[in-house]
């Protein structure tokens, strides 16, 4: 957050890859979570995760 505004930047590829791998390793849980919505993992796309940028980062 910079001056009260939310600012985000994409995560590094290594972090994104780790999150994607974690989701893949928990596929049965994901399938179970999606089932009540009549969705399967193939129906959704993996988001591009971002992180907040804080005021002290922007000023350094």
PDB file of N, CA and C in Angstrom:
ATOM      1  N   UNK A   1       0.846  -1.160   0.000  1.00  0.00           N
ATOM      2  CA  UNK A   1       0.000   0.000   0.000  1.00  0.00           C
ATOM      3  C   UNK A   1       0.900   1.234   0.000  1.00  0.00           C
ATOM      4  N   UNK A   2       0.665   2.115  -0.942  1.00  0.00           N
ATOM      5  CA  UNK A   2       1.448   3.342  -1.057  1.00  0.00           C
ATOM      6  C   UNK A   2       0.496   4.520  -0.953  1.00  0.00           C
ATOM      7  N   UNK A   3       0.730   5.351   0.028  1.00  0.00           N
ATOM      8  CA  UNK A   3      -0.114   6.526   0.252  1.00  0.00           C
ATOM      9  C   UNK A   3      -1.601   6.174   0.254  1.00  0.00           C
ATOM     10  N   UNK A   4      -1.936   5.049   0.879  1.00  0.00           N
ATOM     11  CA  UNK A   4      -3.328   4.623   0.987  1.00  0.00           C
ATOM     12  C   UNK A   4      -3.880   3.905  -0.224  1.00  0.00           C
ATOM     13  N   UNK A   5      -3.086   3.683  -1.257  1.00  0.00           N
ATOM     14  CA  UNK A   5      -3.532   2.981  -2.465  1.00  0.00           C
ATOM     15  C   UNK A   5      -2.901   1.596  -2.527  1.00  0.00           C
ATOM     16  N   UNK A   6      -3.701   0.617  -2.898  1.00  0.00           N
ATOM     17  CA  UNK A   6      -3.177  -0.727  -3.054  1.00  0.00           C
ATOM     18  C   UNK A   6      -2.427  -0.838  -4.377  1.00  0.00           C
ATOM     19  N   UNK A   7      -1.164  -1.192  -4.303  1.00  0.00           N
ATOM     20  CA  UNK A   7      -0.313  -1.384  -5.473  1.00  0.00           C
ATOM     21  C   UNK A   7       0.181  -2.830  -5.414  1.00  0.00           C
ATOM     22  N   UNK A   8       0.096  -3.539  -6.528  1.00  0.00           N
ATOM     23  CA  UNK A   8       0.566  -4.921  -6.559  1.00  0.00           C
ATOM     24  C   UNK A   8       1.553  -5.117  -7.696  1.00  0.00           C
ATOM     25  N   UNK A   9       2.376  -6.142  -7.541  1.00  0.00           N
ATOM     26  CA  UNK A   9       3.296  -6.555  -8.602  1.00  0.00           C
ATOM     27  C   UNK A   9       3.208  -8.067  -8.723  1.00  0.00           C
ATOM     28  N   UNK A  10       3.404  -8.623  -9.914  1.00  0.00           N
ATOM     29  CA  UNK A  10       3.382 -10.074 -10.067  1.00  0.00           C
ATOM     30  C   UNK A  10       4.474 -10.728  -9.217  1.00  0.00           C
ATOM     31  N   UNK A  11       4.165 -11.896  -8.700  1.00  0.00           N
ATOM     32  CA  UNK A  11       5.166 -12.658  -7.976  1.00  0.00           C
ATOM     33  C   UNK A  11       6.238 -13.166  -8.931  1.00  0.00           C
ATOM     34  N   UNK A  12       7.408 -13.416  -8.401  1.00  0.00           N
ATOM     35  CA  UNK A  12       8.476 -14.017  -9.204  1.00  0.00           C
ATOM     36  C   UNK A  12       8.004 -15.352  -9.756  1.00  0.00           C
ATOM     37  N   UNK A  13       8.529 -15.747 -10.900  1.00  0.00           N
ATOM     38  CA  UNK A  13       8.140 -17.016 -11.522  1.00  0.00           C
ATOM     39  C   UNK A  13       8.341 -18.199 -10.590  1.00  0.00           C
ATOM     40  N   UNK A  14       9.404 -18.187  -9.784  1.00  0.00           N
ATOM     41  CA  UNK A  14       9.670 -19.306  -8.873  1.00  0.00           C
ATOM     42  C   UNK A  14       8.561 -19.450  -7.837  1.00  0.00           C
ATOM     43  N   UNK A  15       8.046 -18.319  -7.346  1.00  0.00           N
ATOM     44  CA  UNK A  15       6.951 -18.364  -6.375  1.00  0.00           C
ATOM     45  C   UNK A  15       5.677 -18.835  -7.061  1.00  0.00           C
ATOM     46  N   UNK A  16       5.400 -18.305  -8.231  1.00  0.00           N
ATOM     47  CA  UNK A  16       4.224 -18.731  -8.989  1.00  0.00           C
ATOM     48  C   UNK A  16       4.285 -20.228  -9.267  1.00  0.00           C
ATOM     49  N   UNK A  17       5.450 -20.720  -9.668  1.00  0.00           N
ATOM     50  CA  UNK A  17       5.616 -22.157  -9.942  1.00  0.00           C
ATOM     51  C   UNK A  17       5.376 -22.990  -8.695  1.00  0.00           C
ATOM     52  N   UNK A  18       5.847 -22.512  -7.539  1.00  0.00           N
ATOM     53  CA  UNK A  18       5.647 -23.241  -6.280  1.00  0.00           C
ATOM     54  C   UNK A  18       4.163 -23.312  -5.927  1.00  0.00           C
ATOM     55  N   UNK A  19       3.445 -22.212  -6.118  1.00  0.00           N
ATOM     56  CA  UNK A  19       2.008 -22.220  -5.847  1.00  0.00           C
ATOM     57  C   UNK A  19       1.254 -23.136  -6.807  1.00  0.00           C
ATOM     58  N   UNK A  20       1.633 -23.102  -8.058  1.00  0.00           N
ATOM     59  CA  UNK A  20       1.011 -23.979  -9.052  1.00  0.00           C
ATOM     60  C   UNK A  20       1.273 -25.445  -8.711  1.00  0.00           C
ATOM     61  N   UNK A  21       2.480 -25.770  -8.312  1.00  0.00           N
ATOM     62  CA  UNK A  21       2.821 -27.145  -7.927  1.00  0.00           C
ATOM     63  C   UNK A  21       2.030 -27.573  -6.694  1.00  0.00           C
ATOM     64  N   UNK A  22       1.866 -26.651  -5.731  1.00  0.00           N
ATOM     65  CA  UNK A  22       1.113 -26.980  -4.524  1.00  0.00           C
ATOM     66  C   UNK A  22      -0.337 -27.310  -4.890  1.00  0.00           C
ATOM     67  N   UNK A  23      -0.938 -26.494  -5.750  1.00  0.00           N
ATOM     68  CA  UNK A  23      -2.312 -26.759  -6.167  1.00  0.00           C
ATOM     69  C   UNK A  23      -2.397 -28.125  -6.848  1.00  0.00           C
ATOM     70  N   UNK A  24      -1.452 -28.422  -7.727  1.00  0.00           N
ATOM     71  CA  UNK A  24      -1.454 -29.712  -8.424  1.00  0.00           C
ATOM     72  C   UNK A  24      -1.333 -30.872  -7.444  1.00  0.00           C
ATOM     73  N   UNK A  25      -0.545 -30.688  -6.391  1.00  0.00           N
ATOM     74  CA  UNK A  25      -0.362 -31.777  -5.418  1.00  0.00           C
ATOM     75  C   UNK A  25      -1.584 -31.948  -4.515  1.00  0.00           C
ATOM     76  N   UNK A  26      -2.490 -30.985  -4.530  1.00  0.00           N
ATOM     77  CA  UNK A  26      -3.707 -31.055  -3.733  1.00  0.00           C
ATOM     78  C   UNK A  26      -4.946 -31.176  -4.621  1.00  0.00           C
ATOM     79  N   UNK A  27      -4.762 -31.764  -5.776  1.00  0.00           N
ATOM     80  CA  UNK A  27      -5.840 -31.856  -6.756  1.00  0.00           C
ATOM     81  C   UNK A  27      -7.119 -32.500  -6.204  1.00  0.00           C
ATOM     82  N   UNK A  28      -7.044 -33.606  -5.447  1.00  0.00           N
ATOM     83  CA  UNK A  28      -8.300 -34.166  -4.924  1.00  0.00           C
ATOM     84  C   UNK A  28      -9.080 -33.170  -4.049  1.00  0.00           C
ATOM     85  N   UNK A  29      -8.376 -32.404  -3.238  1.00  0.00           N
ATOM     86  CA  UNK A  29      -9.054 -31.401  -2.402  1.00  0.00           C
ATOM     87  C   UNK A  29      -9.688 -30.319  -3.263  1.00  0.00           C
ATOM     88  N   UNK A  30      -8.996 -29.918  -4.317  1.00  0.00           N
ATOM     89  CA  UNK A  30      -9.533 -28.907  -5.219  1.00  0.00           C
ATOM     90  C   UNK A  30     -10.781 -29.431  -5.915  1.00  0.00           C
ATOM     91  N   UNK A  31     -10.728 -30.668  -6.374  1.00  0.00           N
ATOM     92  CA  UNK A  31     -11.895 -31.269  -7.023  1.00  0.00           C
ATOM     93  C   UNK A  31     -13.084 -31.302  -6.067  1.00  0.00           C
ATOM     94  N   UNK A  32     -12.821 -31.653  -4.822  1.00  0.00           N
ATOM     95  CA  UNK A  32     -13.877 -31.701  -3.805  1.00  0.00           C
ATOM     96  C   UNK A  32     -14.460 -30.306  -3.551  1.00  0.00           C
ATOM     97  N   UNK A  33     -13.600 -29.303  -3.494  1.00  0.00           N
ATOM     98  CA  UNK A  33     -14.059 -27.932  -3.249  1.00  0.00           C
ATOM     99  C   UNK A  33     -14.880 -27.390  -4.415  1.00  0.00           C
ATOM    100  N   UNK A  34     -14.545 -27.798  -5.623  1.00  0.00           N
ATOM    101  CA  UNK A  34     -15.248 -27.305  -6.806  1.00  0.00           C
ATOM    102  C   UNK A  34     -16.548 -28.045  -7.098  1.00  0.00           C
ATOM    103  N   UNK A  35     -16.667 -29.274  -6.618  1.00  0.00           N
ATOM    104  CA  UNK A  35     -17.810 -30.125  -6.937  1.00  0.00           C
ATOM    105  C   UNK A  35     -19.165 -29.476  -6.644  1.00  0.00           C
ATOM    106  N   UNK A  36     -19.354 -28.816  -5.499  1.00  0.00           N
ATOM    107  CA  UNK A  36     -20.674 -28.207  -5.251  1.00  0.00           C
ATOM    108  C   UNK A  36     -21.067 -27.147  -6.282  1.00  0.00           C
ATOM    109  N   UNK A  37     -20.093 -26.635  -6.995  1.00  0.00           N
ATOM    110  CA  UNK A  37     -20.357 -25.614  -8.007  1.00  0.00           C
ATOM    111  C   UNK A  37     -20.434 -26.210  -9.417  1.00  0.00           C
ATOM    112  N   UNK A  38     -20.405 -27.551  -9.469  1.00  0.00           N
ATOM    113  CA  UNK A  38     -20.424 -28.290 -10.730  1.00  0.00           C
ATOM    114  C   UNK A  38     -19.271 -27.879 -11.630  1.00  0.00           C
ATOM    115  N   UNK A  39     -18.104 -27.691 -11.005  1.00  0.00           N
ATOM    116  CA  UNK A  39     -16.879 -27.353 -11.732  1.00  0.00           C
ATOM    117  C   UNK A  39     -15.826 -28.410 -11.467  1.00  0.00           C
ATOM    118  N   UNK A  40     -14.894 -28.520 -12.393  1.00  0.00           N
ATOM    119  CA  UNK A  40     -13.723 -29.373 -12.233  1.00  0.00           C
ATOM    120  C   UNK A  40     -12.499 -28.500 -12.497  1.00  0.00           C
ATOM    121  N   UNK A  41     -11.313 -28.932 -12.067  1.00  0.00           N
ATOM    122  CA  UNK A  41     -10.130 -28.099 -12.271  1.00  0.00           C
ATOM    123  C   UNK A  41      -9.926 -27.634 -13.714  1.00  0.00           C
ATOM    124  N   UNK A  42     -10.329 -28.446 -14.682  1.00  0.00           N
ATOM    125  CA  UNK A  42     -10.168 -28.059 -16.088  1.00  0.00           C
ATOM    126  C   UNK A  42     -11.047 -26.860 -16.462  1.00  0.00           C
ATOM    127  N   UNK A  43     -12.048 -26.549 -15.616  1.00  0.00           N
ATOM    128  CA  UNK A  43     -12.952 -25.424 -15.896  1.00  0.00           C
ATOM    129  C   UNK A  43     -12.371 -24.082 -15.478  1.00  0.00           C
ATOM    130  N   UNK A  44     -11.305 -24.094 -14.697  1.00  0.00           N
ATOM    131  CA  UNK A  44     -10.760 -22.841 -14.190  1.00  0.00           C
ATOM    132  C   UNK A  44      -9.308 -22.687 -14.616  1.00  0.00           C
ATOM    133  N   UNK A  45      -8.840 -21.470 -14.592  1.00  0.00           N
ATOM    134  CA  UNK A  45      -7.435 -21.219 -14.907  1.00  0.00           C
ATOM    135  C   UNK A  45      -6.717 -20.802 -13.634  1.00  0.00           C
ATOM    136  N   UNK A  46      -5.453 -21.102 -13.580  1.00  0.00           N
ATOM    137  CA  UNK A  46      -4.643 -20.726 -12.432  1.00  0.00           C
ATOM    138  C   UNK A  46      -4.389 -19.233 -12.506  1.00  0.00           C
ATOM    139  N   UNK A  47      -4.663 -18.523 -11.420  1.00  0.00           N
ATOM    140  CA  UNK A  47      -4.429 -17.077 -11.461  1.00  0.00           C
ATOM    141  C   UNK A  47      -2.946 -16.741 -11.459  1.00  0.00           C
ATOM    142  N   UNK A  48      -2.655 -15.558 -11.897  1.00  0.00           N
ATOM    143  CA  UNK A  48      -1.297 -15.028 -11.771  1.00  0.00           C
ATOM    144  C   UNK A  48      -1.303 -14.271 -10.449  1.00  0.00           C
ATOM    145  N   UNK A  49      -0.622 -14.843  -9.463  1.00  0.00           N
ATOM    146  CA  UNK A  49      -0.623 -14.249  -8.136  1.00  0.00           C
ATOM    147  C   UNK A  49       0.223 -12.986  -8.096  1.00  0.00           C
ATOM    148  N   UNK A  50      -0.215 -12.063  -7.274  1.00  0.00           N
ATOM    149  CA  UNK A  50       0.507 -10.806  -7.095  1.00  0.00           C
ATOM    150  C   UNK A  50       0.697 -10.567  -5.607  1.00  0.00           C
ATOM    151  N   UNK A  51       1.626  -9.677  -5.288  1.00  0.00           N
ATOM    152  CA  UNK A  51       1.845  -9.309  -3.888  1.00  0.00           C
ATOM    153  C   UNK A  51       1.729  -7.801  -3.758  1.00  0.00           C
ATOM    154  N   UNK A  52       1.385  -7.391  -2.554  1.00  0.00           N
ATOM    155  CA  UNK A  52       1.280  -5.956  -2.282  1.00  0.00           C
ATOM    156  C   UNK A  52       2.658  -5.322  -2.208  1.00  0.00           C
ATOM    157  N   UNK A  53       2.750  -4.105  -2.672  1.00  0.00           N
ATOM    158  CA  UNK A  53       3.954  -3.285  -2.526  1.00  0.00           C
ATOM    159  C   UNK A  53       3.653  -2.303  -1.401  1.00  0.00           C
ATOM    160  N   UNK A  54       4.543  -2.235  -0.440  1.00  0.00           N
ATOM    161  CA  UNK A  54       4.344  -1.358   0.709  1.00  0.00           C
ATOM    162  C   UNK A  54       5.116  -0.052   0.535  1.00  0.00           C
ATOM    163  N   UNK A  55       4.651   0.944   1.218  1.00  0.00           N
ATOM    164  CA  UNK A  55       5.201   2.288   1.119  1.00  0.00           C
ATOM    165  C   UNK A  55       6.721   2.318   1.263  1.00  0.00           C
ATOM    166  N   UNK A  56       7.253   1.595   2.242  1.00  0.00           N
ATOM    167  CA  UNK A  56       8.712   1.631   2.464  1.00  0.00           C
ATOM    168  C   UNK A  56       9.489   1.035   1.292  1.00  0.00           C
ATOM    169  N   UNK A  57       8.887   0.114   0.537  1.00  0.00           N
ATOM    170  CA  UNK A  57       9.557  -0.462  -0.633  1.00  0.00           C
ATOM    171  C   UNK A  57       9.625   0.551  -1.762  1.00  0.00           C
ATOM    172  N   UNK A  58       8.586   1.295  -1.939  1.00  0.00           N
ATOM    173  CA  UNK A  58       8.504   2.255  -3.036  1.00  0.00           C
ATOM    174  C   UNK A  58       9.436   3.438  -2.814  1.00  0.00           C
ATOM    175  N   UNK A  59       9.748   3.719  -1.571  1.00  0.00           N
ATOM    176  CA  UNK A  59      10.572   4.885  -1.256  1.00  0.00           C
ATOM    177  C   UNK A  59      12.051   4.553  -1.153  1.00  0.00           C
ATOM    178  N   UNK A  60      12.398   3.262  -1.262  1.00  0.00           N
ATOM    179  CA  UNK A  60      13.823   2.897  -1.135  1.00  0.00           C
ATOM    180  C   UNK A  60      14.512   2.824  -2.485  1.00  0.00           C
TER     181      UNK A  60
END
